[in-house]
Amino acid sequence: MGHPRQEMFAARHWRRIAGVTMCIGAFLDFTAGRVSRAPGWVRAARAEWLYRLAIEPRRMARRYLIGNIVFLKNRLAERRRG
């Protein structure tokens, strides 16, 4: 599903799901070895998203570049509304 769709789904359906809902992002990809983790210094700088954008630009560009701009725009509009 991807972020933020998985979080919105979990928030909408948590009462109907008999169990724990966990939105774990790329954890399964990392664990399965399908996608490599960023080097430790990149993770320490909290820039793993930038590393993933560099290694998977077609898949991540919309999420990280467009999605982040839309999120920030919506957040600023929400803040202005109070």
PDB file of N, CA and C in Angstrom:
ATOM      1  N   MET A   1       0.817  -1.211   0.000  1.00  0.00           N
ATOM      2  CA  MET A   1       0.000   0.000   0.000  1.00  0.00           C
ATOM      3  C   MET A   1       0.848   1.258   0.000  1.00  0.00           C
ATOM      4  N   GLY A   2       1.887   1.243   0.776  1.00  0.00           N
ATOM      5  CA  GLY A   2       2.751   2.420   0.847  1.00  0.00           C
ATOM      6  C   GLY A   2       2.245   3.465   1.818  1.00  0.00           C
ATOM      7  N   HIS A   3       3.127   4.379   2.093  1.00  0.00           N
ATOM      8  CA  HIS A   3       2.838   5.463   3.021  1.00  0.00           C
ATOM      9  C   HIS A   3       2.244   6.613   2.222  1.00  0.00           C
ATOM     10  N   PRO A   4       1.251   7.312   2.601  1.00  0.00           N
ATOM     11  CA  PRO A   4       0.495   7.232   3.841  1.00  0.00           C
ATOM     12  C   PRO A   4      -0.755   6.362   3.744  1.00  0.00           C
ATOM     13  N   ARG A   5      -0.951   5.716   2.588  1.00  0.00           N
ATOM     14  CA  ARG A   5      -2.167   4.938   2.390  1.00  0.00           C
ATOM     15  C   ARG A   5      -2.348   3.859   3.454  1.00  0.00           C
ATOM     16  N   GLN A   6      -1.264   3.194   3.844  1.00  0.00           N
ATOM     17  CA  GLN A   6      -1.387   2.131   4.842  1.00  0.00           C
ATOM     18  C   GLN A   6      -1.805   2.684   6.197  1.00  0.00           C
ATOM     19  N   GLU A   7      -1.303   3.852   6.568  1.00  0.00           N
ATOM     20  CA  GLU A   7      -1.682   4.455   7.837  1.00  0.00           C
ATOM     21  C   GLU A   7      -3.140   4.913   7.830  1.00  0.00           C
ATOM     22  N   MET A   8      -3.585   5.450   6.706  1.00  0.00           N
ATOM     23  CA  MET A   8      -4.980   5.887   6.606  1.00  0.00           C
ATOM     24  C   MET A   8      -5.914   4.679   6.661  1.00  0.00           C
ATOM     25  N   PHE A   9      -5.534   3.595   5.990  1.00  0.00           N
ATOM     26  CA  PHE A   9      -6.326   2.362   6.045  1.00  0.00           C
ATOM     27  C   PHE A   9      -6.415   1.851   7.480  1.00  0.00           C
ATOM     28  N   ALA A  10      -5.287   1.790   8.170  1.00  0.00           N
ATOM     29  CA  ALA A  10      -5.265   1.294   9.554  1.00  0.00           C
ATOM     30  C   ALA A  10      -6.121   2.172  10.461  1.00  0.00           C
ATOM     31  N   ALA A  11      -6.034   3.484  10.292  1.00  0.00           N
ATOM     32  CA  ALA A  11      -6.828   4.397  11.119  1.00  0.00           C
ATOM     33  C   ALA A  11      -8.320   4.250  10.852  1.00  0.00           C
ATOM     34  N   ARG A  12      -8.681   4.008   9.600  1.00  0.00           N
ATOM     35  CA  ARG A  12     -10.096   3.869   9.234  1.00  0.00           C
ATOM     36  C   ARG A  12     -10.695   2.543   9.688  1.00  0.00           C
ATOM     37  N   HIS A  13      -9.898   1.484   9.695  1.00  0.00           N
ATOM     38  CA  HIS A  13     -10.448   0.142   9.908  1.00  0.00           C
ATOM     39  C   HIS A  13     -10.013  -0.530  11.205  1.00  0.00           C
ATOM     40  N   TRP A  14      -9.377   0.166  12.113  1.00  0.00           N
ATOM     41  CA  TRP A  14      -8.802  -0.497  13.286  1.00  0.00           C
ATOM     42  C   TRP A  14      -9.850  -1.184  14.146  1.00  0.00           C
ATOM     43  N   ARG A  15     -11.062  -0.673  14.184  1.00  0.00           N
ATOM     44  CA  ARG A  15     -12.102  -1.312  15.015  1.00  0.00           C
ATOM     45  C   ARG A  15     -12.567  -2.645  14.419  1.00  0.00           C
ATOM     46  N   ARG A  16     -12.523  -2.760  13.105  1.00  0.00           N
ATOM     47  CA  ARG A  16     -12.996  -3.981  12.439  1.00  0.00           C
ATOM     48  C   ARG A  16     -11.942  -5.069  12.328  1.00  0.00           C
ATOM     49  N   ILE A  17     -10.697  -4.729  12.556  1.00  0.00           N
ATOM     50  CA  ILE A  17      -9.616  -5.706  12.422  1.00  0.00           C
ATOM     51  C   ILE A  17      -9.393  -6.370  13.776  1.00  0.00           C
ATOM     52  N   ALA A  18      -9.560  -7.672  13.809  1.00  0.00           N
ATOM     53  CA  ALA A  18      -9.384  -8.416  15.064  1.00  0.00           C
ATOM     54  C   ALA A  18      -7.906  -8.724  15.251  1.00  0.00           C
ATOM     55  N   GLY A  19      -7.187  -7.802  15.797  1.00  0.00           N
ATOM     56  CA  GLY A  19      -5.757  -8.000  16.006  1.00  0.00           C
ATOM     57  C   GLY A  19      -5.016  -6.684  15.977  1.00  0.00           C
ATOM     58  N   VAL A  20      -3.728  -6.783  15.897  1.00  0.00           N
ATOM     59  CA  VAL A  20      -2.861  -5.614  15.897  1.00  0.00           C
ATOM     60  C   VAL A  20      -2.541  -5.229  14.460  1.00  0.00           C
ATOM     61  N   THR A  21      -2.616  -3.958  14.165  1.00  0.00           N
ATOM     62  CA  THR A  21      -2.253  -3.457  12.841  1.00  0.00           C
ATOM     63  C   THR A  21      -0.913  -2.746  12.956  1.00  0.00           C
ATOM     64  N   MET A  22       0.007  -3.131  12.098  1.00  0.00           N
ATOM     65  CA  MET A  22       1.333  -2.506  12.109  1.00  0.00           C
ATOM     66  C   MET A  22       1.664  -2.014  10.707  1.00  0.00           C
ATOM     67  N   CYS A  23       2.020  -0.774  10.599  1.00  0.00           N
ATOM     68  CA  CYS A  23       2.449  -0.185   9.329  1.00  0.00           C
ATOM     69  C   CYS A  23       3.969  -0.145   9.379  1.00  0.00           C
ATOM     70  N   ILE A  24       4.589  -1.076   8.687  1.00  0.00           N
ATOM     71  CA  ILE A  24       6.027  -1.278   8.873  1.00  0.00           C
ATOM     72  C   ILE A  24       6.883  -0.798   7.708  1.00  0.00           C
ATOM     73  N   GLY A  25       6.267  -0.166   6.739  1.00  0.00           N
ATOM     74  CA  GLY A  25       7.048   0.413   5.646  1.00  0.00           C
ATOM     75  C   GLY A  25       7.892  -0.614   4.915  1.00  0.00           C
ATOM     76  N   ALA A  26       9.153  -0.309   4.733  1.00  0.00           N
ATOM     77  CA  ALA A  26      10.060  -1.147   3.949  1.00  0.00           C
ATOM     78  C   ALA A  26      10.719  -2.255   4.769  1.00  0.00           C
ATOM     79  N   PHE A  27      10.277  -2.450   5.985  1.00  0.00           N
ATOM     80  CA  PHE A  27      10.899  -3.456   6.846  1.00  0.00           C
ATOM     81  C   PHE A  27      10.991  -4.830   6.173  1.00  0.00           C
ATOM     82  N   LEU A  28       9.911  -5.279   5.551  1.00  0.00           N
ATOM     83  CA  LEU A  28       9.932  -6.600   4.911  1.00  0.00           C
ATOM     84  C   LEU A  28      10.896  -6.632   3.726  1.00  0.00           C
ATOM     85  N   ASP A  29      10.958  -5.554   2.972  1.00  0.00           N
ATOM     86  CA  ASP A  29      11.918  -5.486   1.856  1.00  0.00           C
ATOM     87  C   ASP A  29      13.346  -5.571   2.372  1.00  0.00           C
ATOM     88  N   PHE A  30      13.635  -4.869   3.460  1.00  0.00           N
ATOM     89  CA  PHE A  30      14.984  -4.904   4.042  1.00  0.00           C
ATOM     90  C   PHE A  30      15.298  -6.294   4.584  1.00  0.00           C
ATOM     91  N   THR A  31      14.349  -6.866   5.316  1.00  0.00           N
ATOM     92  CA  THR A  31      14.556  -8.177   5.936  1.00  0.00           C
ATOM     93  C   THR A  31      14.742  -9.275   4.887  1.00  0.00           C
ATOM     94  N   ALA A  32      13.988  -9.193   3.805  1.00  0.00           N
ATOM     95  CA  ALA A  32      14.085 -10.191   2.742  1.00  0.00           C
ATOM     96  C   ALA A  32      15.325  -9.991   1.872  1.00  0.00           C
ATOM     97  N   GLY A  33      16.008  -8.882   2.042  1.00  0.00           N
ATOM     98  CA  GLY A  33      17.192  -8.609   1.238  1.00  0.00           C
ATOM     99  C   GLY A  33      16.880  -8.070  -0.144  1.00  0.00           C
ATOM    100  N   ARG A  34      15.637  -7.718  -0.373  1.00  0.00           N
ATOM    101  CA  ARG A  34      15.225  -7.183  -1.668  1.00  0.00           C
ATOM    102  C   ARG A  34      15.759  -5.772  -1.891  1.00  0.00           C
ATOM    103  N   VAL A  35      15.827  -4.998  -0.808  1.00  0.00           N
ATOM    104  CA  VAL A  35      16.328  -3.625  -0.861  1.00  0.00           C
ATOM    105  C   VAL A  35      17.402  -3.487   0.205  1.00  0.00           C
ATOM    106  N   SER A  36      18.520  -2.867  -0.158  1.00  0.00           N
ATOM    107  CA  SER A  36      19.591  -2.698   0.832  1.00  0.00           C
ATOM    108  C   SER A  36      19.338  -1.461   1.689  1.00  0.00           C
ATOM    109  N   ARG A  37      19.764  -1.541   2.928  1.00  0.00           N
ATOM    110  CA  ARG A  37      19.665  -0.399   3.835  1.00  0.00           C
ATOM    111  C   ARG A  37      20.763   0.601   3.480  1.00  0.00           C
ATOM    112  N   ALA A  38      20.515   1.814   3.849  1.00  0.00           N
ATOM    113  CA  ALA A  38      21.518   2.863   3.658  1.00  0.00           C
ATOM    114  C   ALA A  38      22.664   2.631   4.633  1.00  0.00           C
ATOM    115  N   PRO A  39      23.851   3.135   4.315  1.00  0.00           N
ATOM    116  CA  PRO A  39      24.963   3.026   5.264  1.00  0.00           C
ATOM    117  C   PRO A  39      24.587   3.681   6.597  1.00  0.00           C
ATOM    118  N   GLY A  40      25.238   3.245   7.645  1.00  0.00           N
ATOM    119  CA  GLY A  40      24.935   3.737   8.985  1.00  0.00           C
ATOM    120  C   GLY A  40      24.981   5.243   9.131  1.00  0.00           C
ATOM    121  N   TRP A  41      25.963   5.877   8.495  1.00  0.00           N
ATOM    122  CA  TRP A  41      26.070   7.331   8.631  1.00  0.00           C
ATOM    123  C   TRP A  41      24.901   8.048   7.967  1.00  0.00           C
ATOM    124  N   VAL A  42      24.348   7.449   6.897  1.00  0.00           N
ATOM    125  CA  VAL A  42      23.179   8.043   6.229  1.00  0.00           C
ATOM    126  C   VAL A  42      21.955   7.903   7.135  1.00  0.00           C
ATOM    127  N   ARG A  43      21.796   6.732   7.740  1.00  0.00           N
ATOM    128  CA  ARG A  43      20.681   6.531   8.675  1.00  0.00           C
ATOM    129  C   ARG A  43      20.811   7.445   9.878  1.00  0.00           C
ATOM    130  N   ALA A  44      22.033   7.619  10.381  1.00  0.00           N
ATOM    131  CA  ALA A  44      22.251   8.500  11.536  1.00  0.00           C
ATOM    132  C   ALA A  44      21.883   9.945  11.200  1.00  0.00           C
ATOM    133  N   ALA A  45      22.075  10.322   9.947  1.00  0.00           N
ATOM    134  CA  ALA A  45      21.719  11.673   9.497  1.00  0.00           C
ATOM    135  C   ALA A  45      20.237  11.781   9.161  1.00  0.00           C
ATOM    136  N   ARG A  46      19.503  10.680   9.356  1.00  0.00           N
ATOM    137  CA  ARG A  46      18.068  10.600   9.047  1.00  0.00           C
ATOM    138  C   ARG A  46      17.794  10.922   7.579  1.00  0.00           C
ATOM    139  N   ALA A  47      18.646  10.399   6.691  1.00  0.00           N
ATOM    140  CA  ALA A  47      18.529  10.672   5.263  1.00  0.00           C
ATOM    141  C   ALA A  47      18.355   9.387   4.454  1.00  0.00           C
ATOM    142  N   GLU A  48      17.830   8.331   5.085  1.00  0.00           N
ATOM    143  CA  GLU A  48      17.642   7.087   4.339  1.00  0.00           C
ATOM    144  C   GLU A  48      16.695   7.287   3.170  1.00  0.00           C
ATOM    145  N   TRP A  49      15.739   8.184   3.314  1.00  0.00           N
ATOM    146  CA  TRP A  49      14.822   8.466   2.219  1.00  0.00           C
ATOM    147  C   TRP A  49      15.588   8.972   0.992  1.00  0.00           C
ATOM    148  N   LEU A  50      16.643   9.775   1.204  1.00  0.00           N
ATOM    149  CA  LEU A  50      17.440  10.296   0.109  1.00  0.00           C
ATOM    150  C   LEU A  50      18.250   9.179  -0.562  1.00  0.00           C
ATOM    151  N   TYR A  51      18.761   8.267   0.239  1.00  0.00           N
ATOM    152  CA  TYR A  51      19.482   7.098  -0.276  1.00  0.00           C
ATOM    153  C   TYR A  51      18.540   6.241  -1.131  1.00  0.00           C
ATOM    154  N   ARG A  52      17.335   5.999  -0.617  1.00  0.00           N
ATOM    155  CA  ARG A  52      16.376   5.186  -1.372  1.00  0.00           C
ATOM    156  C   ARG A  52      15.936   5.880  -2.653  1.00  0.00           C
ATOM    157  N   LEU A  53      15.816   7.183  -2.616  1.00  0.00           N
ATOM    158  CA  LEU A  53      15.493   7.948  -3.820  1.00  0.00           C
ATOM    159  C   LEU A  53      16.602   7.787  -4.856  1.00  0.00           C
ATOM    160  N   ALA A  54      17.858   7.777  -4.399  1.00  0.00           N
ATOM    161  CA  ALA A  54      18.989   7.630  -5.319  1.00  0.00           C
ATOM    162  C   ALA A  54      19.055   6.237  -5.936  1.00  0.00           C
ATOM    163  N   ILE A  55      18.715   5.179  -5.169  1.00  0.00           N
ATOM    164  CA  ILE A  55      18.815   3.834  -5.729  1.00  0.00           C
ATOM    165  C   ILE A  55      17.550   3.373  -6.451  1.00  0.00           C
ATOM    166  N   GLU A  56      16.404   4.001  -6.173  1.00  0.00           N
ATOM    167  CA  GLU A  56      15.149   3.654  -6.845  1.00  0.00           C
ATOM    168  C   GLU A  56      14.404   4.916  -7.273  1.00  0.00           C
ATOM    169  N   PRO A  57      14.987   5.728  -8.154  1.00  0.00           N
ATOM    170  CA  PRO A  57      14.365   7.022  -8.471  1.00  0.00           C
ATOM    171  C   PRO A  57      12.979   6.922  -9.098  1.00  0.00           C
ATOM    172  N   ARG A  58      12.765   5.964  -9.972  1.00  0.00           N
ATOM    173  CA  ARG A  58      11.445   5.867 -10.614  1.00  0.00           C
ATOM    174  C   ARG A  58      10.345   5.533  -9.617  1.00  0.00           C
ATOM    175  N   ARG A  59      10.657   4.666  -8.682  1.00  0.00           N
ATOM    176  CA  ARG A  59       9.651   4.241  -7.708  1.00  0.00           C
ATOM    177  C   ARG A  59       9.453   5.256  -6.594  1.00  0.00           C
ATOM    178  N   MET A  60      10.503   5.940  -6.198  1.00  0.00           N
ATOM    179  CA  MET A  60      10.433   6.799  -5.017  1.00  0.00           C
ATOM    180  C   MET A  60      10.231   8.285  -5.311  1.00  0.00           C
ATOM    181  N   ALA A  61      10.467   8.728  -6.539  1.00  0.00           N
ATOM    182  CA  ALA A  61      10.390  10.161  -6.844  1.00  0.00           C
ATOM    183  C   ALA A  61       9.019  10.740  -6.524  1.00  0.00           C
ATOM    184  N   ARG A  62       7.981  10.071  -6.951  1.00  0.00           N
ATOM    185  CA  ARG A  62       6.635  10.598  -6.697  1.00  0.00           C
ATOM    186  C   ARG A  62       6.363  10.678  -5.201  1.00  0.00           C
ATOM    187  N   ARG A  63       6.754   9.643  -4.475  1.00  0.00           N
ATOM    188  CA  ARG A  63       6.513   9.597  -3.039  1.00  0.00           C
ATOM    189  C   ARG A  63       7.289  10.680  -2.307  1.00  0.00           C
ATOM    190  N   TYR A  64       8.585  10.765  -2.563  1.00  0.00           N
ATOM    191  CA  TYR A  64       9.430  11.654  -1.779  1.00  0.00           C
ATOM    192  C   TYR A  64       9.446  13.090  -2.272  1.00  0.00           C
ATOM    193  N   LEU A  65       9.398  13.308  -3.563  1.00  0.00           N
ATOM    194  CA  LEU A  65       9.474  14.667  -4.076  1.00  0.00           C
ATOM    195  C   LEU A  65       8.093  15.316  -4.127  1.00  0.00           C
ATOM    196  N   ILE A  66       7.176  14.709  -4.846  1.00  0.00           N
ATOM    197  CA  ILE A  66       5.835  15.285  -4.961  1.00  0.00           C
ATOM    198  C   ILE A  66       5.050  15.110  -3.667  1.00  0.00           C
ATOM    199  N   GLY A  67       5.080  13.924  -3.095  1.00  0.00           N
ATOM    200  CA  GLY A  67       4.320  13.652  -1.873  1.00  0.00           C
ATOM    201  C   GLY A  67       4.717  14.538  -0.713  1.00  0.00           C
ATOM    202  N   ASN A  68       6.004  14.776  -0.538  1.00  0.00           N
ATOM    203  CA  ASN A  68       6.457  15.630   0.561  1.00  0.00           C
ATOM    204  C   ASN A  68       6.021  17.075   0.358  1.00  0.00           C
ATOM    205  N   ILE A  69       6.058  17.561  -0.872  1.00  0.00           N
ATOM    206  CA  ILE A  69       5.624  18.931  -1.155  1.00  0.00           C
ATOM    207  C   ILE A  69       4.135  19.078  -0.886  1.00  0.00           C
ATOM    208  N   VAL A  70       3.347  18.106  -1.328  1.00  0.00           N
ATOM    209  CA  VAL A  70       1.899  18.146  -1.081  1.00  0.00           C
ATOM    210  C   VAL A  70       1.620  18.098   0.423  1.00  0.00           C
ATOM    211  N   PHE A  71       2.332  17.235   1.141  1.00  0.00           N
ATOM    212  CA  PHE A  71       2.155  17.149   2.587  1.00  0.00           C
ATOM    213  C   PHE A  71       2.453  18.486   3.252  1.00  0.00           C
ATOM    214  N   LEU A  72       3.592  19.097   2.914  1.00  0.00           N
ATOM    215  CA  LEU A  72       3.961  20.375   3.519  1.00  0.00           C
ATOM    216  C   LEU A  72       2.949  21.470   3.190  1.00  0.00           C
ATOM    217  N   LYS A  73       2.479  21.490   1.955  1.00  0.00           N
ATOM    218  CA  LYS A  73       1.470  22.468   1.554  1.00  0.00           C
ATOM    219  C   LYS A  73       0.199  22.298   2.380  1.00  0.00           C
ATOM    220  N   ASN A  74      -0.249  21.050   2.536  1.00  0.00           N
ATOM    221  CA  ASN A  74      -1.449  20.786   3.325  1.00  0.00           C
ATOM    222  C   ASN A  74      -1.252  21.127   4.791  1.00  0.00           C
ATOM    223  N   ARG A  75      -0.076  20.833   5.303  1.00  0.00           N
ATOM    224  CA  ARG A  75       0.215  21.136   6.711  1.00  0.00           C
ATOM    225  C   ARG A  75       0.230  22.628   6.970  1.00  0.00           C
ATOM    226  N   LEU A  76       0.826  23.396   6.063  1.00  0.00           N
ATOM    227  CA  LEU A  76       0.839  24.850   6.203  1.00  0.00           C
ATOM    228  C   LEU A  76      -0.577  25.425   6.127  1.00  0.00           C
ATOM    229  N   ALA A  77      -1.396  24.909   5.198  1.00  0.00           N
ATOM    230  CA  ALA A  77      -2.785  25.369   5.083  1.00  0.00           C
ATOM    231  C   ALA A  77      -3.551  25.043   6.364  1.00  0.00           C
ATOM    232  N   GLU A  78      -3.322  23.865   6.906  1.00  0.00           N
ATOM    233  CA  GLU A  78      -3.979  23.466   8.148  1.00  0.00           C
ATOM    234  C   GLU A  78      -3.563  24.382   9.298  1.00  0.00           C
ATOM    235  N   ARG A  79      -2.309  24.719   9.353  1.00  0.00           N
ATOM    236  CA  ARG A  79      -1.801  25.603  10.420  1.00  0.00           C
ATOM    237  C   ARG A  79      -2.419  26.994  10.313  1.00  0.00           C
ATOM    238  N   ARG A  80      -2.564  27.484   9.071  1.00  0.00           N
ATOM    239  CA  ARG A  80      -3.179  28.806   8.879  1.00  0.00           C
ATOM    240  C   ARG A  80      -4.628  28.829   9.328  1.00  0.00           C
ATOM    241  N   ARG A  81      -5.325  27.708   9.127  1.00  0.00           N
ATOM    242  CA  ARG A  81      -6.744  27.620   9.540  1.00  0.00           C
ATOM    243  C   ARG A  81      -6.893  27.558  11.050  1.00  0.00           C
ATOM    244  N   GLY A  82      -5.810  27.196  11.715  1.00  0.00           N
ATOM    245  CA  GLY A  82      -5.843  27.120  13.183  1.00  0.00           C
ATOM    246  C   GLY A  82      -6.117  25.773  13.613  1.00  0.00           C
TER     247      GLY A  82
END
